Amino acid sequence: MYRELVTELGAELGSFESASRVARKVTGSRLSTSTVKRCFVRAGRELVRERDEAAANYLGDRKRLKQVDGPPPRLGVISVDQFHVQVRARGEGRGVHKPRYVQVQLGRLDRMLGQRYERDPEPEPPGVFRDVVRLERLCRELRRNRSEPSDGVGRKASATEQWRDGEAEKREAQKRRRRRHWPPKPLYTTYVATARNIHAFGPMLAAEAYRRRFAEAERAVFLSDGAEPNWGLHRSFFPWAVPVLDFAHACTHLWEAAEAASAVLGGSWREEAVRWVRALWQGKAKELVQRWQQLEEELQEEAAVVLRRHRRYLERNLERMDYPRYRKEGLPITTACIESGCKRMGLRLRGTEKFWNEPANRNYSPRTRRPPRGQCVEAEEYSLEYAVHLRALALSDGEPIARYYAARRGNPYVGRASRLAAA
């Protein structure tokens, strides 16, 4: 009777124990932690199976995929990112043994509302990209997230920093109200997530985009932070979408390049980094590449190697950094939405002392729907996969978990396994 509520609480709250306590207070029933976990795993198993079948049908017979009713989106945005969760070895008894990090793939599909403009609606970058202190903090945070897995707990800003940022945000909000309605606003959001590798993730995201009719959209965008596997997804499954490099991640490379060239730029390298960010905002990436080529000749070997790495990053993404054109077409240029989604996913999946059982088979193929030869499938093999998928559904619009229970066959008081056993 309370399975839908228990599953929602298990996906929203930080642990099964918390979900059990809240469920007991809300319903007045004696729902134990094991009952909550059992309902959660059962729903996760069936929903993961449906998702894998949709991915297999996308690779095989797409006619079996039912598309949503209604017109296709006018602006469809596909964002891809990754984050890490902590896992422990299986079969080692109580406690944490052989801990390590596992990468989780996250995709976000947005129907957005954005209009085209005859001229650039925002020719100058926002205040966070013009202030040296705020830009340095942003770049260091993104660089730390890019280089090291996070446990979901970061450094808190001081009271002075919070007050200053709050005042700056108020001024920026007042300026934005006087501007036109840019950037575009999300209308309907769907998340797709998996703890498997990116090769299995691609068909899952593509199947959901096919169901949402994103390929028929008037305008479609593929946003990424610049990781090459993400651009591989774009080439394989979304070639019809405009690829856009996240502007904030590009700024981190500009900041690190200026820091590497500080021996030539002197003490004003931070101000030079702000000028480079402004040039990139205005679409002058080729000029930056030429400027960095000149700086490489003046630097020592170690600094020149660092600057050369960032220069090649810009050269690989030149076609994805035409930001003035993107703004005139009303397209988003940052992955702020999916970065927020990663943090919201982490509220359930990450923590300094939260470890999931290590998946026994992370390379499960959506095409064959079987594990590799010689490997067995355990009953709780995909407990992490269930949590990742259900958390993504809980964050999606349209209440997919409630719709799953409304369409699920069988008696709401008796489990499917119990009915089969009775028969």
Protein backbone atom coordinates (compact mmCIF):
# COMPACT_ATOMS: atom_id res chain seq x y z
CA MET A 1 0.00 0.00 0.00
CA TYR A 2 2.86 2.35 0.82
CA ARG A 3 5.34 1.16 -1.79
CA GLU A 4 5.22 4.32 -3.85
CA LEU A 5 5.82 6.51 -0.80
CA VAL A 6 8.60 4.24 0.48
CA THR A 7 10.35 4.21 -2.89
CA GLU A 8 10.15 7.99 -3.20
CA LEU A 9 11.54 8.45 0.31
CA GLY A 10 14.34 5.97 -0.37
CA ALA A 11 15.35 7.97 -3.43
CA GLU A 12 15.04 11.39 -1.80
CA LEU A 13 16.47 10.96 1.71
CA GLY A 14 20.04 10.25 2.64
CA SER A 15 19.60 6.67 3.86
CA PHE A 16 17.11 3.84 4.18
CA GLU A 17 17.00 4.43 7.94
CA SER A 18 15.86 8.02 7.43
CA ALA A 19 13.26 6.88 4.90
CA SER A 20 11.97 4.31 7.39
CA ARG A 21 11.62 6.89 10.17
CA VAL A 22 9.77 9.37 7.96
CA ALA A 23 7.51 6.65 6.55
CA ARG A 24 6.54 5.52 10.07
CA LYS A 25 5.65 9.08 11.07
CA VAL A 26 3.65 9.75 7.91
CA THR A 27 1.76 6.47 7.66
CA GLY A 28 1.65 5.35 11.28
CA SER A 29 2.64 1.84 10.16
CA ARG A 30 5.59 -0.19 11.38
CA LEU A 31 7.83 -0.04 8.32
CA SER A 32 11.29 -1.38 9.08
CA THR A 33 14.49 -0.41 7.30
CA SER A 34 14.67 -3.82 5.61
CA THR A 35 11.12 -3.34 4.27
CA VAL A 36 12.05 0.03 2.82
CA LYS A 37 15.16 -1.41 1.18
CA ARG A 38 13.24 -4.39 -0.18
CA CYS A 39 10.63 -2.16 -1.84
CA PHE A 40 13.36 0.13 -3.12
CA VAL A 41 15.38 -2.72 -4.65
CA ARG A 42 12.30 -4.33 -6.21
CA ALA A 43 11.22 -1.11 -7.90
CA GLY A 44 14.80 -0.39 -8.95
CA ARG A 45 15.21 -3.84 -10.49
CA GLU A 46 12.08 -3.50 -12.62
CA LEU A 47 12.78 0.08 -13.67
CA VAL A 48 16.40 -0.69 -14.57
CA ARG A 49 15.18 -3.63 -16.64
CA GLU A 50 12.75 -1.36 -18.51
CA ARG A 51 15.50 1.19 -19.15
CA ASP A 52 17.89 -1.49 -20.46
CA GLU A 53 15.19 -2.86 -22.75
CA ALA A 54 14.61 0.63 -24.14
CA ALA A 55 18.35 1.01 -24.80
CA ALA A 56 18.44 -2.37 -26.54
CA ASN A 57 15.41 -1.43 -28.67
CA TYR A 58 17.10 1.82 -29.64
CA LEU A 59 20.09 -0.11 -30.95
CA GLY A 60 17.84 -2.72 -32.58
CA ASP A 61 14.22 -1.98 -33.41
CA ARG A 62 13.35 1.65 -32.60
CA LYS A 63 9.74 1.14 -33.63
CA ARG A 64 9.21 -0.60 -30.29
CA LEU A 65 10.01 2.63 -28.44
CA LYS A 66 6.90 4.68 -27.74
CA GLN A 67 7.47 8.39 -28.20
CA VAL A 68 5.74 10.96 -26.02
CA ASP A 69 2.60 12.63 -27.27
CA GLY A 70 2.65 16.25 -28.32
CA PRO A 71 4.92 18.36 -30.51
CA PRO A 72 8.71 18.07 -30.36
CA PRO A 73 10.60 20.64 -28.28
CA ARG A 74 11.45 23.98 -29.83
CA LEU A 75 14.78 23.95 -28.00
CA GLY A 76 16.20 20.65 -26.78
CA VAL A 77 19.32 20.67 -24.59
CA ILE A 78 21.37 17.53 -23.86
CA SER A 79 23.95 17.85 -21.07
CA VAL A 80 26.42 15.18 -19.97
CA ASP A 81 28.64 15.04 -16.89
CA GLN A 82 30.20 12.56 -14.46
CA PHE A 83 30.70 12.31 -10.72
CA HIS A 84 32.14 9.72 -8.35
CA VAL A 85 30.73 7.63 -5.51
CA GLN A 86 32.56 5.48 -2.98
CA VAL A 87 32.26 1.69 -3.13
CA ARG A 88 33.63 -1.16 -1.05
CA ALA A 89 34.60 -4.72 -1.92
CA ARG A 90 31.99 -7.46 -1.85
CA GLY A 91 32.09 -10.55 0.33
CA GLU A 92 34.54 -9.11 2.87
CA GLY A 93 32.20 -9.04 5.87
CA ARG A 94 31.10 -6.02 7.86
CA GLY A 95 32.89 -2.74 7.49
CA VAL A 96 34.66 -1.06 4.60
CA HIS A 97 37.24 -3.13 2.73
CA LYS A 98 39.22 -2.05 -0.33
CA PRO A 99 37.42 1.27 -0.81
CA ARG A 100 37.64 3.01 -4.15
CA TYR A 101 35.72 5.42 -6.35
CA VAL A 102 33.34 4.48 -9.15
CA GLN A 103 32.34 6.93 -11.86
CA VAL A 104 28.64 7.59 -12.39
CA GLN A 105 27.41 8.84 -15.77
CA LEU A 106 24.72 11.52 -15.67
CA GLY A 107 22.72 12.97 -18.55
CA ARG A 108 20.10 15.69 -18.50
CA LEU A 109 17.48 16.35 -21.18
CA ASP A 110 15.82 19.77 -21.06
CA ARG A 111 12.98 21.28 -23.00
CA MET A 112 13.88 24.95 -22.84
CA LEU A 113 12.30 28.25 -23.74
CA GLY A 114 14.68 30.58 -25.55
CA GLN A 115 14.34 33.17 -28.26
CA ARG A 116 16.63 34.32 -31.04
CA TYR A 117 18.18 37.81 -31.13
CA GLU A 118 19.38 40.03 -33.94
CA ARG A 119 22.42 41.05 -31.89
CA ASP A 120 24.31 39.62 -28.93
CA PRO A 121 21.99 39.93 -25.89
CA GLU A 122 24.94 40.03 -23.46
CA PRO A 123 28.17 41.21 -25.13
CA GLU A 124 30.01 41.56 -21.81
CA PRO A 125 30.58 38.60 -19.45
CA PRO A 126 28.69 38.41 -16.13
CA GLY A 127 30.25 39.79 -12.98
CA VAL A 128 31.60 36.44 -11.74
CA PHE A 129 33.86 36.32 -14.81
CA ARG A 130 35.02 39.93 -14.39
CA ASP A 131 35.92 39.82 -10.69
CA VAL A 132 39.39 38.37 -10.03
CA VAL A 133 38.58 36.91 -6.60
CA ARG A 134 35.32 35.23 -7.63
CA LEU A 135 36.80 33.95 -10.88
CA GLU A 136 39.78 32.44 -9.07
CA ARG A 137 37.49 30.68 -6.58
CA LEU A 138 35.30 29.32 -9.38
CA CYS A 139 38.26 28.03 -11.39
CA ARG A 140 39.90 26.38 -8.40
CA GLU A 141 36.67 24.65 -7.44
CA LEU A 142 36.11 23.33 -10.96
CA ARG A 143 39.73 22.24 -11.21
CA ARG A 144 39.49 20.37 -7.89
CA ASN A 145 36.33 18.60 -9.02
CA ARG A 146 37.97 17.71 -12.33
CA SER A 147 41.19 16.30 -10.84
CA GLU A 148 40.01 14.57 -7.65
CA PRO A 149 36.82 12.66 -6.80
CA SER A 150 34.78 14.47 -4.21
CA ASP A 151 32.97 12.96 -1.25
CA GLY A 152 30.22 15.54 -1.61
CA VAL A 153 31.45 17.76 1.24
CA GLY A 154 33.39 20.84 0.18
CA ARG A 155 34.86 23.87 1.93
CA LYS A 156 32.24 26.31 3.17
CA ALA A 157 32.66 29.97 2.34
CA SER A 158 33.28 32.35 5.22
CA ALA A 159 30.63 34.80 6.43
CA THR A 160 32.44 37.67 4.71
CA GLU A 161 32.61 35.76 1.42
CA GLN A 162 28.94 34.83 1.63
CA TRP A 163 27.94 38.44 2.32
CA ARG A 164 30.05 39.78 -0.54
CA ASP A 165 28.80 37.13 -2.96
CA GLY A 166 25.22 37.82 -1.88
CA GLU A 167 25.57 41.54 -2.53
CA ALA A 168 27.20 40.90 -5.90
CA GLU A 169 24.44 38.47 -6.87
CA LYS A 170 21.79 41.07 -5.96
CA ARG A 171 23.44 43.64 -8.21
CA GLU A 172 23.74 41.11 -11.02
CA ALA A 173 20.08 40.14 -10.61
CA GLN A 174 19.03 43.78 -10.90
CA LYS A 175 21.06 44.14 -14.09
CA ARG A 176 19.61 40.96 -15.53
CA ARG A 177 16.05 42.21 -14.96
CA ARG A 178 16.88 45.20 -17.14
CA ARG A 179 18.28 42.94 -19.88
CA ARG A 180 16.41 40.72 -22.27
CA HIS A 181 15.30 37.24 -21.28
CA TRP A 182 18.57 35.39 -21.72
CA PRO A 183 19.73 32.66 -21.04
CA PRO A 184 16.94 30.18 -21.93
CA LYS A 185 14.77 28.77 -19.15
CA PRO A 186 14.17 25.02 -18.63
CA LEU A 187 10.56 23.88 -18.91
CA TYR A 188 10.73 20.09 -18.50
CA THR A 189 13.70 18.05 -17.28
CA THR A 190 14.56 14.37 -17.47
CA TYR A 191 17.63 12.76 -15.90
CA VAL A 192 19.35 9.57 -17.07
CA ALA A 193 22.06 8.03 -14.87
CA THR A 194 24.01 4.80 -14.57
CA ALA A 195 26.98 3.41 -12.65
CA ARG A 196 28.08 1.48 -15.74
CA ASN A 197 30.61 2.66 -18.28
CA ILE A 198 30.02 5.35 -20.86
CA HIS A 199 29.57 2.81 -23.67
CA ALA A 200 26.48 1.43 -21.92
CA PHE A 201 25.34 4.94 -21.00
CA GLY A 202 25.18 6.20 -24.59
CA PRO A 203 22.23 4.03 -25.75
CA MET A 204 20.32 4.80 -22.54
CA LEU A 205 20.56 8.55 -23.07
CA ALA A 206 19.91 8.26 -26.79
CA ALA A 207 16.79 6.13 -26.20
CA GLU A 208 15.35 8.70 -23.80
CA ALA A 209 16.15 11.54 -26.22
CA TYR A 210 14.40 9.55 -28.99
CA ARG A 211 11.33 9.09 -26.80
CA ARG A 212 11.32 12.84 -26.07
CA ARG A 213 11.63 13.58 -29.83
CA PHE A 214 14.75 15.69 -29.41
CA ALA A 215 15.98 14.81 -32.89
CA GLU A 216 12.91 16.61 -34.30
CA ALA A 217 13.51 19.80 -32.29
CA GLU A 218 13.87 23.13 -34.07
CA ARG A 219 17.14 23.69 -32.21
CA ALA A 220 19.17 21.10 -30.32
CA VAL A 221 22.30 21.56 -28.21
CA PHE A 222 24.82 19.10 -26.76
CA LEU A 223 26.63 20.59 -23.74
CA SER A 224 29.79 19.10 -22.28
CA ASP A 225 32.77 20.10 -20.16
CA GLY A 226 35.26 19.08 -22.85
CA ALA A 227 36.00 15.46 -21.90
CA GLU A 228 36.72 13.48 -25.05
CA PRO A 229 34.41 10.52 -24.16
CA ASN A 230 31.51 12.97 -23.98
CA TRP A 231 32.25 14.26 -27.49
CA GLY A 232 32.35 10.61 -28.57
CA LEU A 233 28.74 10.33 -27.36
CA HIS A 234 27.88 13.38 -29.45
CA ARG A 235 29.44 11.95 -32.59
CA SER A 236 27.86 8.51 -32.12
CA PHE A 237 24.33 9.36 -30.98
CA PHE A 238 23.65 13.11 -31.31
CA PRO A 239 25.33 14.39 -34.50
CA TRP A 240 22.23 16.53 -35.22
CA ALA A 241 22.80 18.65 -32.08
CA VAL A 242 25.03 21.72 -31.94
CA PRO A 243 28.08 20.90 -29.75
CA VAL A 244 28.84 23.60 -27.17
CA LEU A 245 31.77 23.62 -24.76
CA ASP A 246 30.91 24.71 -21.24
CA PHE A 247 32.18 28.27 -20.84
CA ALA A 248 33.03 27.88 -17.14
CA HIS A 249 35.26 24.85 -17.76
CA ALA A 250 36.98 26.70 -20.59
CA CYS A 251 37.70 29.53 -18.13
CA THR A 252 39.55 27.13 -15.85
CA HIS A 253 41.98 26.39 -18.68
CA LEU A 254 42.43 30.10 -19.29
CA TRP A 255 43.18 30.67 -15.61
CA GLU A 256 45.68 27.80 -15.43
CA ALA A 257 47.34 29.00 -18.65
CA ALA A 258 47.76 32.49 -17.20
CA GLU A 259 49.15 30.99 -13.99
CA ALA A 260 51.65 28.93 -16.00
CA ALA A 261 52.73 32.06 -17.93
CA SER A 262 53.08 34.16 -14.77
CA ALA A 263 56.87 34.24 -15.23
CA VAL A 264 56.34 36.34 -18.37
CA LEU A 265 53.11 38.11 -17.44
CA GLY A 266 54.43 39.13 -14.02
CA GLY A 267 52.27 39.97 -11.01
CA SER A 268 49.35 41.02 -13.21
CA TRP A 269 48.70 37.52 -14.54
CA ARG A 270 45.33 37.36 -12.76
CA GLU A 271 44.14 40.54 -14.49
CA GLU A 272 45.44 39.08 -17.77
CA ALA A 273 43.37 35.95 -17.14
CA VAL A 274 40.26 38.12 -16.73
CA ARG A 275 41.02 39.80 -20.05
CA TRP A 276 41.40 36.39 -21.70
CA VAL A 277 38.03 35.32 -20.28
CA ARG A 278 36.45 38.45 -21.76
CA ALA A 279 38.06 37.71 -25.12
CA LEU A 280 36.73 34.14 -25.06
CA TRP A 281 33.24 35.41 -24.14
CA GLN A 282 33.37 37.61 -27.24
CA GLY A 283 34.42 34.72 -29.49
CA LYS A 284 38.14 35.47 -29.88
CA ALA A 285 39.45 31.97 -29.16
CA LYS A 286 41.73 31.93 -32.23
CA GLU A 287 43.44 35.11 -31.07
CA LEU A 288 44.08 33.48 -27.70
CA VAL A 289 45.67 30.48 -29.40
CA GLN A 290 48.01 32.76 -31.35
CA ARG A 291 48.87 34.70 -28.19
CA TRP A 292 49.72 31.51 -26.32
CA GLN A 293 51.95 30.32 -29.14
CA GLN A 294 54.02 33.47 -28.69
CA LEU A 295 54.17 33.00 -24.92
CA GLU A 296 55.39 29.41 -25.27
CA GLU A 297 58.58 30.64 -26.94
CA GLU A 298 59.33 32.94 -24.00
CA LEU A 299 58.68 30.43 -21.21
CA GLN A 300 60.89 27.76 -19.73
CA GLU A 301 60.33 24.14 -20.64
CA GLU A 302 58.06 23.10 -17.75
CA ALA A 303 55.79 26.15 -17.97
CA ALA A 304 55.74 25.88 -21.77
CA VAL A 305 54.52 22.28 -21.54
CA VAL A 306 51.61 23.31 -19.29
CA LEU A 307 50.68 26.21 -21.58
CA ARG A 308 50.92 23.98 -24.63
CA ARG A 309 48.47 21.49 -23.06
CA HIS A 310 45.90 24.22 -22.53
CA ARG A 311 46.49 25.63 -26.01
CA ARG A 312 45.77 22.24 -27.55
CA TYR A 313 42.60 22.06 -25.46
CA LEU A 314 41.42 25.29 -27.10
CA GLU A 315 42.46 24.10 -30.57
CA ARG A 316 40.45 20.88 -30.18
CA ASN A 317 37.35 22.82 -29.18
CA LEU A 318 37.54 25.88 -31.46
CA GLU A 319 34.40 24.86 -33.33
CA ARG A 320 32.52 24.54 -30.03
CA MET A 321 33.34 28.00 -28.62
CA ASP A 322 31.46 30.42 -30.89
CA TYR A 323 29.69 31.92 -27.89
CA PRO A 324 28.38 35.16 -29.49
CA ARG A 325 26.57 33.11 -32.13
CA TYR A 326 25.16 30.76 -29.51
CA ARG A 327 23.79 33.68 -27.49
CA LYS A 328 22.19 35.27 -30.54
CA GLU A 329 20.49 31.95 -31.29
CA GLY A 330 19.25 31.74 -27.69
CA LEU A 331 21.31 28.66 -26.79
CA PRO A 332 22.77 27.89 -23.34
CA ILE A 333 26.56 28.04 -23.02
CA THR A 334 27.16 26.58 -19.54
CA THR A 335 26.55 23.23 -17.88
CA ALA A 336 25.29 24.87 -14.69
CA CYS A 337 22.05 22.86 -14.79
CA ILE A 338 23.71 19.46 -14.88
CA GLU A 339 26.37 20.56 -12.38
CA SER A 340 23.46 21.27 -10.05
CA GLY A 341 22.06 17.86 -10.93
CA CYS A 342 25.35 16.19 -9.93
CA LYS A 343 25.17 17.87 -6.53
CA ARG A 344 21.54 16.84 -6.06
CA MET A 345 22.40 13.27 -7.00
CA GLY A 346 25.23 13.39 -4.49
CA LEU A 347 22.88 14.29 -1.66
CA ARG A 348 21.60 10.69 -1.81
CA LEU A 349 24.63 8.82 -3.13
CA ARG A 350 27.70 10.50 -1.66
CA GLY A 351 29.09 11.21 1.78
CA THR A 352 32.32 10.97 3.72
CA GLU A 353 31.19 7.70 5.36
CA LYS A 354 28.83 6.35 2.71
CA PHE A 355 30.06 3.30 0.77
CA TRP A 356 28.02 1.24 -1.66
CA ASN A 357 28.70 -2.39 -2.45
CA GLU A 358 30.98 -2.65 -5.43
CA PRO A 359 29.04 -3.58 -8.60
CA ALA A 360 29.90 -7.11 -9.63
CA ASN A 361 29.43 -6.40 -13.33
CA ARG A 362 29.58 -2.78 -14.45
CA ASN A 363 29.98 -3.63 -18.14
CA TYR A 364 26.52 -5.10 -18.60
CA SER A 365 25.70 -4.77 -22.29
CA PRO A 366 22.36 -3.17 -23.22
CA ARG A 367 22.48 -4.90 -26.60
CA THR A 368 22.62 -8.49 -25.31
CA ARG A 369 21.09 -7.79 -21.87
CA ARG A 370 23.49 -10.42 -20.46
CA PRO A 371 26.71 -10.25 -18.45
CA PRO A 372 30.01 -11.22 -20.10
CA ARG A 373 30.63 -14.93 -20.54
CA GLY A 374 31.78 -16.67 -17.41
CA GLN A 375 30.32 -14.14 -14.97
CA CYS A 376 27.27 -14.82 -12.83
CA VAL A 377 24.62 -12.32 -11.83
CA GLU A 378 24.10 -11.94 -8.10
CA ALA A 379 20.73 -11.05 -6.58
CA GLU A 380 21.93 -7.67 -5.29
CA GLU A 381 24.42 -7.09 -8.09
CA TYR A 382 22.99 -3.76 -9.11
CA SER A 383 22.09 -2.26 -5.72
CA LEU A 384 24.14 0.84 -6.61
CA GLU A 385 22.61 0.87 -10.07
CA TYR A 386 19.13 0.79 -8.57
CA ALA A 387 19.92 3.76 -6.32
CA VAL A 388 21.46 5.77 -9.14
CA HIS A 389 18.54 5.16 -11.48
CA LEU A 390 15.82 5.80 -8.88
CA ARG A 391 17.53 8.99 -7.71
CA ALA A 392 17.62 10.22 -11.32
CA LEU A 393 13.91 9.44 -11.70
CA ALA A 394 13.12 11.25 -8.45
CA LEU A 395 14.82 14.40 -9.79
CA SER A 396 13.01 14.22 -13.14
CA ASP A 397 9.80 16.08 -13.94
CA GLY A 398 6.54 14.24 -14.53
CA GLU A 399 6.71 11.95 -11.46
CA PRO A 400 8.04 8.85 -13.28
CA ILE A 401 8.04 6.72 -10.11
CA ALA A 402 4.36 7.46 -9.47
CA ARG A 403 3.54 6.66 -13.11
CA TYR A 404 5.45 3.39 -12.81
CA TYR A 405 3.36 2.29 -9.83
CA ALA A 406 0.14 3.45 -11.50
CA ALA A 407 0.87 1.31 -14.58
CA ARG A 408 2.37 -1.65 -12.71
CA ARG A 409 0.38 -4.85 -12.98
CA GLY A 410 -0.79 -6.83 -10.00
CA ASN A 411 -2.32 -6.47 -6.58
CA PRO A 412 -0.89 -3.46 -4.71
CA TYR A 413 -0.88 -5.50 -1.47
CA VAL A 414 0.91 -8.60 -2.82
CA GLY A 415 4.32 -8.66 -4.46
CA ARG A 416 4.78 -10.14 -7.90
CA ALA A 417 7.15 -12.82 -6.57
CA SER A 418 4.60 -13.87 -3.94
CA ARG A 419 1.84 -14.31 -6.54
CA LEU A 420 4.11 -16.41 -8.74
CA ALA A 421 5.05 -18.59 -5.80
CA ALA A 422 1.39 -19.05 -4.84
CA ALA A 423 0.48 -20.05 -8.37
